[in-house]
C-alpha cells in the first residue's frame, strides 16, 4: 500500500481511488456541519484514507487542523487514530483488512467503513460483491468477527455512509484515558 503524508499546509494530495463511488457531495457543507469532528478528527491525530473515492483526499485535507497528519494508505509508524476504508473485495477481504487496521489503531481510535445506501443504486465497489457492494449486515458482521464494536454511523455522501468500529473496552487494557482526559473519578484541581 502506498503512503502519502499531508499536513494541512503541505499541498494537495495525489492518487485517488479508481472506479470509485461518488465523493462527498458538498464538502464545505459537510465540514460546516461538523463532518470532520463527527469522524473523530481533532488536532494532533493521524488520519489514514484506505482506497478512497476520487477527490476525497483533497476534499478532506482542506478541512483538517494543521497539526493533523493525513495519509493516503498506511502511516509510516502506527498507531493511527482514524482510518477511513472503502472496501473493494469480499467480506473475507474486509475481515483481513479490519484485522490488520485494528493492529495499527490507537486504543481510542476508530475505523470507518464505507457502506452503500440501500436506495442509492451504487455499490462501494461494484464487481466482486455484485452491483451493490457489501451490505450493512456484511460490514457489521465482518467488524464483529474481528473483535470490533460498531458505535456510530455518518453520512459520507448521497450514496454512501460510514459505519465506525472501535476496539472493545474490555480489549483496551489498562492504558488509561485518552490524552487530555482525566481518569474517571479523578479530582480536578
N, C-alpha and C. Protein backbone atom coordinates (compact mmCIF):
# COMPACT_ATOMS: atom_id res chain seq x y z
N UNK A 1 0.84 -1.18 0.00
CA UNK A 1 0.00 0.00 0.00
C UNK A 1 0.88 1.24 0.00
N UNK A 2 0.43 2.25 -0.69
CA UNK A 2 1.23 3.47 -0.76
C UNK A 2 1.02 4.32 0.48
N UNK A 3 2.00 5.16 0.72
CA UNK A 3 1.92 6.09 1.85
C UNK A 3 2.13 7.49 1.34
N UNK A 4 1.25 8.37 1.70
CA UNK A 4 1.43 9.78 1.40
C UNK A 4 1.09 10.53 2.65
N UNK A 5 1.89 11.51 2.97
CA UNK A 5 1.64 12.30 4.16
C UNK A 5 1.23 13.69 3.73
N UNK A 6 0.34 14.26 4.49
CA UNK A 6 -0.13 15.60 4.16
C UNK A 6 -0.50 16.31 5.44
N UNK A 7 0.18 17.38 5.74
CA UNK A 7 -0.27 18.30 6.77
C UNK A 7 -1.12 19.32 6.07
N UNK A 8 -2.01 19.95 6.73
CA UNK A 8 -2.95 20.85 6.08
C UNK A 8 -2.23 21.89 5.24
N UNK A 9 -1.06 22.32 5.64
CA UNK A 9 -0.35 23.35 4.90
C UNK A 9 0.58 22.77 3.84
N UNK A 10 0.59 21.45 3.65
CA UNK A 10 1.57 20.80 2.80
C UNK A 10 1.19 20.62 1.34
N UNK A 11 0.07 21.11 0.86
CA UNK A 11 -0.27 20.96 -0.56
C UNK A 11 -1.33 19.90 -0.79
N UNK A 12 -1.64 19.70 -2.05
CA UNK A 12 -2.71 18.79 -2.42
C UNK A 12 -2.24 17.35 -2.44
N UNK A 13 -3.12 16.43 -2.07
CA UNK A 13 -2.81 15.00 -2.12
C UNK A 13 -2.93 14.47 -3.54
N UNK A 14 -2.27 13.39 -3.80
CA UNK A 14 -2.30 12.75 -5.11
C UNK A 14 -2.90 11.37 -4.95
N UNK A 15 -3.14 10.73 -6.07
CA UNK A 15 -3.53 9.33 -6.06
C UNK A 15 -4.92 9.08 -5.51
N UNK A 16 -5.89 9.13 -6.33
CA UNK A 16 -7.26 8.88 -5.91
C UNK A 16 -7.66 7.47 -6.27
N UNK A 17 -8.71 6.96 -5.65
CA UNK A 17 -9.21 5.64 -5.99
C UNK A 17 -9.73 5.62 -7.42
N UNK A 18 -9.72 4.49 -8.07
CA UNK A 18 -10.19 4.38 -9.44
C UNK A 18 -11.50 3.61 -9.47
N UNK A 19 -12.40 4.01 -10.35
CA UNK A 19 -13.69 3.36 -10.44
C UNK A 19 -14.47 3.51 -9.14
N UNK A 20 -14.29 4.62 -8.48
CA UNK A 20 -14.79 4.83 -7.14
C UNK A 20 -16.21 5.40 -7.14
N UNK A 21 -16.90 5.28 -6.01
CA UNK A 21 -18.22 5.88 -5.88
C UNK A 21 -18.11 7.39 -5.78
N UNK A 22 -19.25 8.04 -5.79
CA UNK A 22 -19.27 9.49 -5.72
C UNK A 22 -18.62 9.99 -4.44
N UNK A 23 -17.78 11.04 -4.54
CA UNK A 23 -17.18 11.62 -3.34
C UNK A 23 -18.22 12.42 -2.57
N UNK A 24 -17.81 13.02 -1.48
CA UNK A 24 -18.72 13.86 -0.69
C UNK A 24 -19.36 14.88 -1.62
N UNK A 25 -20.68 14.96 -1.58
CA UNK A 25 -21.40 15.82 -2.49
C UNK A 25 -21.02 17.29 -2.30
N UNK A 26 -20.96 17.78 -1.10
CA UNK A 26 -20.62 19.16 -0.82
C UNK A 26 -19.75 19.20 0.42
N UNK A 27 -18.42 19.09 0.26
CA UNK A 27 -17.54 19.01 1.43
C UNK A 27 -17.60 20.25 2.30
N UNK A 28 -17.83 21.42 1.70
CA UNK A 28 -17.90 22.63 2.52
C UNK A 28 -19.09 22.54 3.48
N UNK A 29 -20.22 22.07 2.97
CA UNK A 29 -21.39 21.88 3.82
C UNK A 29 -21.11 20.81 4.86
N UNK A 30 -20.49 19.70 4.43
CA UNK A 30 -20.18 18.63 5.36
C UNK A 30 -19.28 19.15 6.48
N UNK A 31 -18.21 19.89 6.13
CA UNK A 31 -17.31 20.43 7.14
C UNK A 31 -18.03 21.43 8.03
N UNK A 32 -18.90 22.26 7.42
CA UNK A 32 -19.66 23.22 8.20
C UNK A 32 -20.62 22.56 9.17
N UNK A 33 -21.06 21.36 8.84
CA UNK A 33 -21.96 20.62 9.71
C UNK A 33 -21.22 19.79 10.75
N UNK A 34 -19.91 19.98 10.86
CA UNK A 34 -19.13 19.22 11.83
C UNK A 34 -18.73 17.84 11.34
N UNK A 35 -18.68 17.65 10.01
CA UNK A 35 -18.36 16.35 9.44
C UNK A 35 -17.03 15.81 9.96
N UNK A 36 -15.98 16.61 9.94
CA UNK A 36 -14.68 16.14 10.40
C UNK A 36 -14.69 15.83 11.89
N UNK A 37 -15.37 16.64 12.67
CA UNK A 37 -15.46 16.37 14.10
C UNK A 37 -16.20 15.07 14.37
N UNK A 38 -17.25 14.82 13.58
CA UNK A 38 -18.01 13.58 13.75
C UNK A 38 -17.17 12.36 13.36
N UNK A 39 -16.22 12.55 12.44
CA UNK A 39 -15.30 11.47 12.09
C UNK A 39 -14.31 11.18 13.22
N UNK A 40 -14.15 12.14 14.13
CA UNK A 40 -13.18 11.99 15.20
C UNK A 40 -11.90 12.77 14.95
N UNK A 41 -11.93 13.66 13.96
CA UNK A 41 -10.76 14.47 13.64
C UNK A 41 -10.63 15.60 14.65
N UNK A 42 -9.46 15.65 15.28
CA UNK A 42 -9.14 16.71 16.23
C UNK A 42 -7.64 17.00 16.10
N UNK A 43 -7.16 18.10 16.61
CA UNK A 43 -5.74 18.45 16.45
C UNK A 43 -4.80 17.34 16.92
N UNK A 44 -3.74 17.14 16.13
CA UNK A 44 -2.67 16.24 16.52
C UNK A 44 -2.85 14.77 16.21
N UNK A 45 -3.90 14.39 15.50
CA UNK A 45 -4.11 12.96 15.25
C UNK A 45 -3.61 12.56 13.86
N UNK A 46 -3.55 11.26 13.64
CA UNK A 46 -3.17 10.68 12.35
C UNK A 46 -4.40 10.07 11.70
N UNK A 47 -4.65 10.47 10.45
CA UNK A 47 -5.81 10.01 9.69
C UNK A 47 -5.30 9.27 8.46
N UNK A 48 -5.87 8.11 8.17
CA UNK A 48 -5.46 7.32 7.01
C UNK A 48 -6.65 7.00 6.13
N UNK A 49 -6.53 7.32 4.85
CA UNK A 49 -7.56 7.00 3.88
C UNK A 49 -7.14 5.76 3.12
N UNK A 50 -7.97 4.75 3.16
CA UNK A 50 -7.66 3.47 2.53
C UNK A 50 -8.60 3.26 1.34
N UNK A 51 -8.05 3.35 0.11
CA UNK A 51 -8.80 3.12 -1.10
C UNK A 51 -9.95 4.13 -1.27
N UNK A 52 -9.67 5.43 -1.07
CA UNK A 52 -10.75 6.42 -1.11
C UNK A 52 -11.26 6.67 -2.52
N UNK A 53 -12.49 7.18 -2.64
CA UNK A 53 -13.01 7.54 -3.96
C UNK A 53 -12.28 8.77 -4.48
N UNK A 54 -12.37 8.96 -5.77
CA UNK A 54 -11.71 10.09 -6.42
C UNK A 54 -12.14 11.41 -5.77
N UNK A 55 -11.17 12.23 -5.44
CA UNK A 55 -11.45 13.55 -4.90
C UNK A 55 -11.58 13.62 -3.38
N UNK A 56 -11.74 12.50 -2.72
CA UNK A 56 -11.98 12.54 -1.26
C UNK A 56 -10.75 13.03 -0.51
N UNK A 57 -9.57 12.60 -0.92
CA UNK A 57 -8.33 13.01 -0.24
C UNK A 57 -8.19 14.52 -0.22
N UNK A 58 -8.30 15.15 -1.38
CA UNK A 58 -8.10 16.59 -1.43
C UNK A 58 -9.22 17.34 -0.70
N UNK A 59 -10.42 16.79 -0.74
CA UNK A 59 -11.53 17.46 -0.07
C UNK A 59 -11.41 17.41 1.45
N UNK A 60 -10.99 16.28 1.97
CA UNK A 60 -10.87 16.18 3.43
C UNK A 60 -9.63 16.92 3.91
N UNK A 61 -8.58 16.95 3.10
CA UNK A 61 -7.33 17.59 3.51
C UNK A 61 -7.48 19.09 3.69
N UNK A 62 -8.42 19.69 3.00
CA UNK A 62 -8.62 21.13 3.11
C UNK A 62 -9.24 21.55 4.44
N UNK A 63 -9.83 20.62 5.17
CA UNK A 63 -10.52 20.99 6.39
C UNK A 63 -9.88 20.52 7.68
N UNK A 64 -8.82 19.71 7.59
CA UNK A 64 -8.23 19.17 8.81
C UNK A 64 -7.33 20.20 9.49
N UNK A 65 -7.19 20.11 10.82
CA UNK A 65 -6.28 21.01 11.52
C UNK A 65 -4.84 20.83 11.03
N UNK A 66 -4.07 21.89 11.06
CA UNK A 66 -2.69 21.85 10.54
C UNK A 66 -1.81 20.90 11.34
N UNK A 67 -2.18 20.57 12.56
CA UNK A 67 -1.37 19.65 13.38
C UNK A 67 -1.68 18.18 13.12
N UNK A 68 -2.67 17.90 12.29
CA UNK A 68 -3.00 16.52 11.93
C UNK A 68 -2.09 16.04 10.81
N UNK A 69 -1.97 14.75 10.69
CA UNK A 69 -1.27 14.15 9.56
C UNK A 69 -2.26 13.27 8.83
N UNK A 70 -2.37 13.47 7.52
CA UNK A 70 -3.30 12.74 6.67
C UNK A 70 -2.50 11.92 5.68
N UNK A 71 -2.75 10.61 5.65
CA UNK A 71 -2.03 9.69 4.77
C UNK A 71 -2.99 9.02 3.81
N UNK A 72 -2.53 8.85 2.59
CA UNK A 72 -3.22 8.04 1.62
C UNK A 72 -2.57 6.67 1.72
N UNK A 73 -3.22 5.76 2.42
CA UNK A 73 -2.63 4.47 2.73
C UNK A 73 -2.23 4.42 4.19
N UNK A 74 -1.29 3.54 4.49
CA UNK A 74 -0.88 3.32 5.88
C UNK A 74 0.10 4.37 6.36
N UNK A 75 0.09 4.66 7.66
CA UNK A 75 1.07 5.61 8.19
C UNK A 75 2.45 4.93 8.26
N UNK A 76 3.53 5.72 8.24
CA UNK A 76 4.86 5.11 8.32
C UNK A 76 5.10 4.43 9.66
N UNK A 77 4.40 4.89 10.69
CA UNK A 77 4.58 4.33 12.02
C UNK A 77 3.23 4.37 12.76
N UNK A 78 2.75 3.21 13.22
CA UNK A 78 1.48 3.21 13.96
C UNK A 78 1.69 3.82 15.35
N UNK A 79 0.67 4.20 16.07
CA UNK A 79 -0.73 3.97 15.73
C UNK A 79 -1.34 5.14 14.96
N UNK A 80 -2.45 4.86 14.31
CA UNK A 80 -3.27 5.89 13.68
C UNK A 80 -4.54 6.03 14.51
N UNK A 81 -5.18 7.16 14.40
CA UNK A 81 -6.37 7.44 15.20
C UNK A 81 -7.67 7.25 14.43
N UNK A 82 -7.65 7.55 13.13
CA UNK A 82 -8.85 7.43 12.31
C UNK A 82 -8.47 6.78 10.98
N UNK A 83 -9.11 5.65 10.67
CA UNK A 83 -8.99 5.03 9.35
C UNK A 83 -10.32 5.19 8.64
N UNK A 84 -10.29 5.53 7.36
CA UNK A 84 -11.48 5.54 6.53
C UNK A 84 -11.22 4.55 5.41
N UNK A 85 -12.04 3.50 5.33
CA UNK A 85 -11.81 2.39 4.42
C UNK A 85 -12.98 2.23 3.46
N UNK A 86 -12.66 2.16 2.17
CA UNK A 86 -13.64 1.84 1.15
C UNK A 86 -13.29 0.44 0.65
N UNK A 87 -14.01 -0.59 1.10
CA UNK A 87 -13.67 -1.97 0.71
C UNK A 87 -13.93 -2.21 -0.77
N UNK A 88 -13.13 -3.07 -1.37
CA UNK A 88 -13.34 -3.38 -2.78
C UNK A 88 -13.25 -4.87 -3.05
N UNK A 89 -13.51 -5.68 -2.06
CA UNK A 89 -13.44 -7.13 -2.24
C UNK A 89 -14.60 -7.81 -1.55
N UNK A 90 -14.35 -9.03 -1.14
CA UNK A 90 -15.36 -9.84 -0.47
C UNK A 90 -15.39 -9.53 1.02
N UNK A 91 -16.32 -10.12 1.71
CA UNK A 91 -16.38 -9.97 3.16
C UNK A 91 -15.10 -10.50 3.81
N UNK A 92 -14.58 -11.60 3.30
CA UNK A 92 -13.34 -12.16 3.84
C UNK A 92 -12.18 -11.17 3.65
N UNK A 93 -12.13 -10.49 2.50
CA UNK A 93 -11.11 -9.46 2.28
C UNK A 93 -11.27 -8.32 3.29
N UNK A 94 -12.52 -7.94 3.56
CA UNK A 94 -12.77 -6.89 4.53
C UNK A 94 -12.32 -7.32 5.91
N UNK A 95 -12.60 -8.56 6.30
CA UNK A 95 -12.16 -9.05 7.62
C UNK A 95 -10.64 -8.99 7.74
N UNK A 96 -9.95 -9.38 6.68
CA UNK A 96 -8.48 -9.33 6.69
C UNK A 96 -8.00 -7.90 6.86
N UNK A 97 -8.60 -6.97 6.13
CA UNK A 97 -8.23 -5.56 6.24
C UNK A 97 -8.52 -5.02 7.64
N UNK A 98 -9.69 -5.34 8.17
CA UNK A 98 -10.05 -4.86 9.51
C UNK A 98 -9.10 -5.40 10.57
N UNK A 99 -8.72 -6.66 10.47
CA UNK A 99 -7.80 -7.24 11.44
C UNK A 99 -6.46 -6.51 11.42
N UNK A 100 -5.97 -6.23 10.22
CA UNK A 100 -4.69 -5.53 10.09
C UNK A 100 -4.80 -4.09 10.60
N UNK A 101 -5.85 -3.38 10.20
CA UNK A 101 -6.02 -1.99 10.64
C UNK A 101 -6.20 -1.92 12.16
N UNK A 102 -6.89 -2.90 12.72
CA UNK A 102 -7.06 -2.95 14.18
C UNK A 102 -5.70 -2.99 14.87
N UNK A 103 -4.76 -3.73 14.30
CA UNK A 103 -3.43 -3.83 14.92
C UNK A 103 -2.66 -2.51 14.85
N UNK A 104 -3.07 -1.61 13.97
CA UNK A 104 -2.40 -0.32 13.81
C UNK A 104 -3.18 0.83 14.44
N UNK A 105 -4.33 0.54 15.04
CA UNK A 105 -5.24 1.55 15.56
C UNK A 105 -4.89 1.93 16.99
N UNK A 106 -4.93 3.23 17.28
CA UNK A 106 -4.75 3.67 18.67
C UNK A 106 -5.95 3.18 19.48
N UNK A 107 -5.77 3.03 20.77
CA UNK A 107 -6.83 2.47 21.61
C UNK A 107 -8.11 3.31 21.59
N UNK A 108 -7.97 4.62 21.43
CA UNK A 108 -9.15 5.47 21.41
C UNK A 108 -9.61 5.79 19.99
N UNK A 109 -9.00 5.16 18.96
CA UNK A 109 -9.30 5.46 17.57
C UNK A 109 -10.48 4.70 17.02
N UNK A 110 -10.76 4.92 15.74
CA UNK A 110 -11.88 4.27 15.08
C UNK A 110 -11.58 3.97 13.62
N UNK A 111 -12.22 2.94 13.11
CA UNK A 111 -12.12 2.55 11.70
C UNK A 111 -13.50 2.77 11.08
N UNK A 112 -13.57 3.66 10.11
CA UNK A 112 -14.81 3.91 9.39
C UNK A 112 -14.80 3.07 8.12
N UNK A 113 -15.89 2.34 7.86
CA UNK A 113 -16.02 1.54 6.65
C UNK A 113 -17.19 2.10 5.85
N UNK A 114 -16.93 2.43 4.58
CA UNK A 114 -17.97 2.97 3.70
C UNK A 114 -18.95 1.87 3.31
N UNK A 115 -20.24 2.21 3.36
CA UNK A 115 -21.31 1.29 3.00
C UNK A 115 -22.26 2.02 2.06
N UNK A 116 -22.72 1.32 1.03
CA UNK A 116 -23.66 1.88 0.08
C UNK A 116 -25.03 2.06 0.74
N UNK A 117 -25.66 3.20 0.49
CA UNK A 117 -27.03 3.39 0.96
C UNK A 117 -27.94 2.53 0.10
N UNK A 118 -28.93 1.90 0.71
CA UNK A 118 -29.77 0.92 0.01
C UNK A 118 -30.45 1.48 -1.23
N UNK A 119 -30.91 2.70 -1.19
CA UNK A 119 -31.65 3.26 -2.31
C UNK A 119 -30.77 4.01 -3.30
N UNK A 120 -29.46 3.98 -3.10
CA UNK A 120 -28.58 4.75 -3.96
C UNK A 120 -28.36 4.11 -5.32
N UNK A 121 -28.49 2.78 -5.40
CA UNK A 121 -28.25 2.10 -6.66
C UNK A 121 -26.78 1.98 -7.00
N UNK A 122 -25.90 2.35 -6.05
CA UNK A 122 -24.46 2.29 -6.30
C UNK A 122 -23.80 1.49 -5.19
N UNK A 123 -22.85 0.68 -5.54
CA UNK A 123 -22.10 -0.10 -4.56
C UNK A 123 -20.86 0.63 -4.13
N UNK A 124 -20.26 0.16 -3.03
CA UNK A 124 -18.99 0.71 -2.61
C UNK A 124 -17.98 0.50 -3.72
N UNK A 125 -17.90 -0.69 -4.22
CA UNK A 125 -17.08 -1.01 -5.39
C UNK A 125 -17.83 -2.10 -6.16
N UNK A 126 -18.58 -1.73 -7.19
CA UNK A 126 -19.29 -2.76 -7.96
C UNK A 126 -18.30 -3.78 -8.51
N UNK A 127 -18.74 -5.00 -8.63
CA UNK A 127 -17.87 -6.04 -9.19
C UNK A 127 -18.01 -7.32 -8.41
N UNK A 128 -16.96 -7.66 -7.65
CA UNK A 128 -16.94 -8.92 -6.93
C UNK A 128 -18.15 -9.09 -6.01
N UNK A 129 -18.63 -8.02 -5.45
CA UNK A 129 -19.72 -8.11 -4.49
C UNK A 129 -21.09 -7.89 -5.12
N UNK A 130 -21.16 -7.89 -6.43
CA UNK A 130 -22.42 -7.62 -7.09
C UNK A 130 -22.57 -6.13 -7.30
N UNK A 131 -23.69 -5.69 -7.83
CA UNK A 131 -23.87 -4.29 -8.17
C UNK A 131 -23.95 -3.36 -6.96
N UNK A 132 -24.25 -3.89 -5.78
CA UNK A 132 -24.40 -3.03 -4.61
C UNK A 132 -23.19 -3.02 -3.68
N UNK A 133 -22.18 -3.84 -3.90
CA UNK A 133 -21.06 -3.90 -2.97
C UNK A 133 -21.48 -4.62 -1.70
N UNK A 134 -20.70 -4.47 -0.64
CA UNK A 134 -21.02 -5.11 0.64
C UNK A 134 -22.20 -4.41 1.30
N UNK A 135 -23.07 -5.17 1.93
CA UNK A 135 -24.23 -4.61 2.63
C UNK A 135 -23.85 -4.20 4.04
N UNK A 136 -24.72 -3.45 4.68
CA UNK A 136 -24.53 -3.05 6.08
C UNK A 136 -24.30 -4.29 6.94
N UNK A 137 -25.13 -5.30 6.75
CA UNK A 137 -25.05 -6.51 7.57
C UNK A 137 -23.70 -7.21 7.39
N UNK A 138 -23.22 -7.29 6.15
CA UNK A 138 -21.93 -7.93 5.89
C UNK A 138 -20.78 -7.15 6.53
N UNK A 139 -20.84 -5.84 6.42
CA UNK A 139 -19.80 -5.00 7.02
C UNK A 139 -19.84 -5.12 8.54
N UNK A 140 -21.03 -5.04 9.12
CA UNK A 140 -21.16 -5.15 10.57
C UNK A 140 -20.67 -6.51 11.06
N UNK A 141 -21.07 -7.58 10.40
CA UNK A 141 -20.63 -8.93 10.81
C UNK A 141 -19.13 -9.09 10.68
N UNK A 142 -18.52 -8.50 9.65
CA UNK A 142 -17.06 -8.58 9.48
C UNK A 142 -16.35 -7.88 10.64
N UNK A 143 -16.84 -6.71 11.02
CA UNK A 143 -16.23 -5.99 12.15
C UNK A 143 -16.37 -6.74 13.46
N UNK A 144 -17.56 -7.26 13.72
CA UNK A 144 -17.78 -8.02 14.95
C UNK A 144 -16.92 -9.28 14.99
N UNK A 145 -16.75 -9.93 13.84
CA UNK A 145 -15.93 -11.13 13.79
C UNK A 145 -14.46 -10.83 14.11
N UNK A 146 -14.04 -9.59 13.91
CA UNK A 146 -12.66 -9.20 14.19
C UNK A 146 -12.50 -8.62 15.60
N UNK A 147 -13.54 -8.73 16.41
CA UNK A 147 -13.46 -8.25 17.79
C UNK A 147 -13.65 -6.76 17.94
N UNK A 148 -14.25 -6.14 16.93
CA UNK A 148 -14.53 -4.71 16.99
C UNK A 148 -16.01 -4.49 17.30
N UNK A 149 -16.35 -3.28 17.70
CA UNK A 149 -17.73 -2.92 18.00
C UNK A 149 -18.11 -1.73 17.13
N UNK A 150 -19.28 -1.78 16.49
CA UNK A 150 -19.75 -0.62 15.72
C UNK A 150 -20.49 0.29 16.68
N UNK A 151 -20.15 1.59 16.63
CA UNK A 151 -20.76 2.51 17.58
C UNK A 151 -21.29 3.80 16.97
N UNK A 152 -21.15 3.97 15.65
CA UNK A 152 -21.62 5.22 15.06
C UNK A 152 -21.79 5.05 13.57
N UNK A 153 -22.74 5.83 13.01
CA UNK A 153 -22.93 5.91 11.57
C UNK A 153 -22.90 7.37 11.18
N UNK A 154 -22.41 7.65 9.96
CA UNK A 154 -22.32 9.03 9.49
C UNK A 154 -22.46 9.04 7.98
N UNK A 155 -23.28 9.94 7.46
CA UNK A 155 -23.44 10.05 6.01
C UNK A 155 -22.19 10.65 5.40
N UNK A 156 -21.63 9.96 4.40
CA UNK A 156 -20.46 10.45 3.66
C UNK A 156 -20.88 11.22 2.42
N UNK A 157 -21.99 10.81 1.80
CA UNK A 157 -22.46 11.43 0.56
C UNK A 157 -23.92 11.02 0.35
N UNK A 158 -24.46 11.37 -0.81
CA UNK A 158 -25.82 10.97 -1.14
C UNK A 158 -25.93 9.46 -1.35
N UNK A 159 -24.81 8.81 -1.65
CA UNK A 159 -24.85 7.39 -1.97
C UNK A 159 -24.20 6.48 -0.93
N UNK A 160 -23.42 7.05 0.01
CA UNK A 160 -22.67 6.23 0.96
C UNK A 160 -22.69 6.81 2.37
N UNK A 161 -22.59 5.94 3.33
CA UNK A 161 -22.41 6.34 4.71
C UNK A 161 -21.29 5.51 5.30
N UNK A 162 -20.81 5.93 6.44
CA UNK A 162 -19.75 5.20 7.10
C UNK A 162 -20.26 4.55 8.37
N UNK A 163 -19.74 3.37 8.65
CA UNK A 163 -20.01 2.65 9.89
C UNK A 163 -18.70 2.62 10.65
N UNK A 164 -18.70 3.15 11.87
CA UNK A 164 -17.46 3.24 12.65
C UNK A 164 -17.32 2.06 13.60
N UNK A 165 -16.12 1.48 13.59
CA UNK A 165 -15.77 0.39 14.50
C UNK A 165 -14.67 0.86 15.45
N UNK A 166 -14.78 0.43 16.69
CA UNK A 166 -13.77 0.74 17.71
C UNK A 166 -13.37 -0.56 18.41
N UNK A 167 -12.25 -0.50 19.11
CA UNK A 167 -11.80 -1.64 19.90
C UNK A 167 -12.69 -1.74 21.13
N UNK A 168 -13.11 -2.95 21.45
CA UNK A 168 -13.96 -3.17 22.64
C UNK A 168 -13.27 -2.64 23.88
N UNK A 169 -14.03 -2.05 24.79
CA UNK A 169 -13.45 -1.51 26.03
C UNK A 169 -12.66 -2.57 26.78
N UNK A 170 -13.19 -3.77 26.85
CA UNK A 170 -12.53 -4.85 27.58
C UNK A 170 -11.18 -5.20 26.96
N UNK A 171 -11.01 -4.93 25.66
CA UNK A 171 -9.77 -5.26 24.96
C UNK A 171 -8.76 -4.12 24.95
N UNK A 172 -9.13 -2.98 25.53
CA UNK A 172 -8.23 -1.83 25.51
C UNK A 172 -7.16 -1.88 26.58
N UNK A 173 -7.30 -2.80 27.54
CA UNK A 173 -6.28 -2.95 28.59
C UNK A 173 -6.32 -1.81 29.58
N UNK A 174 -5.22 -1.64 30.27
CA UNK A 174 -5.11 -0.63 31.32
C UNK A 174 -4.36 0.60 30.84
N UNK A 175 -4.58 0.99 29.61
CA UNK A 175 -3.83 2.10 29.03
C UNK A 175 -4.26 3.45 29.58
N UNK A 176 -5.36 3.50 30.30
CA UNK A 176 -5.83 4.77 30.84
C UNK A 176 -6.68 5.52 29.84
N UNK A 177 -7.09 6.75 30.21
CA UNK A 177 -7.96 7.52 29.34
C UNK A 177 -7.18 8.11 28.17
N UNK A 178 -7.90 8.54 27.13
CA UNK A 178 -7.23 9.20 26.01
C UNK A 178 -6.50 10.46 26.50
N UNK A 179 -5.47 10.91 25.78
CA UNK A 179 -4.74 12.10 26.18
C UNK A 179 -5.66 13.30 26.35
N UNK A 180 -5.41 14.07 27.39
CA UNK A 180 -6.21 15.26 27.65
C UNK A 180 -7.44 15.02 28.48
N UNK A 181 -7.71 13.79 28.82
CA UNK A 181 -8.89 13.48 29.64
C UNK A 181 -8.43 12.87 30.95
N UNK A 182 -8.94 13.38 32.09
CA UNK A 182 -8.56 12.79 33.36
C UNK A 182 -9.21 11.44 33.55
N UNK A 183 -8.61 10.55 34.35
CA UNK A 183 -9.24 9.26 34.62
C UNK A 183 -10.60 9.46 35.26
N UNK A 184 -11.51 8.52 35.05
CA UNK A 184 -12.84 8.61 35.66
C UNK A 184 -12.71 8.71 37.17
N UNK A 185 -13.42 9.64 37.76
CA UNK A 185 -13.40 9.82 39.21
C UNK A 185 -12.24 10.65 39.73
N UNK A 186 -11.34 11.09 38.85
CA UNK A 186 -10.21 11.90 39.28
C UNK A 186 -10.67 13.31 39.60
N UNK A 187 -10.09 13.87 40.62
CA UNK A 187 -10.45 15.23 41.01
C UNK A 187 -9.71 16.23 40.13
N UNK A 188 -10.39 17.28 39.77
CA UNK A 188 -9.78 18.37 39.01
C UNK A 188 -9.31 19.42 40.01
N UNK A 189 -8.08 19.89 39.91
CA UNK A 189 -7.58 20.91 40.83
C UNK A 189 -7.33 22.19 40.12
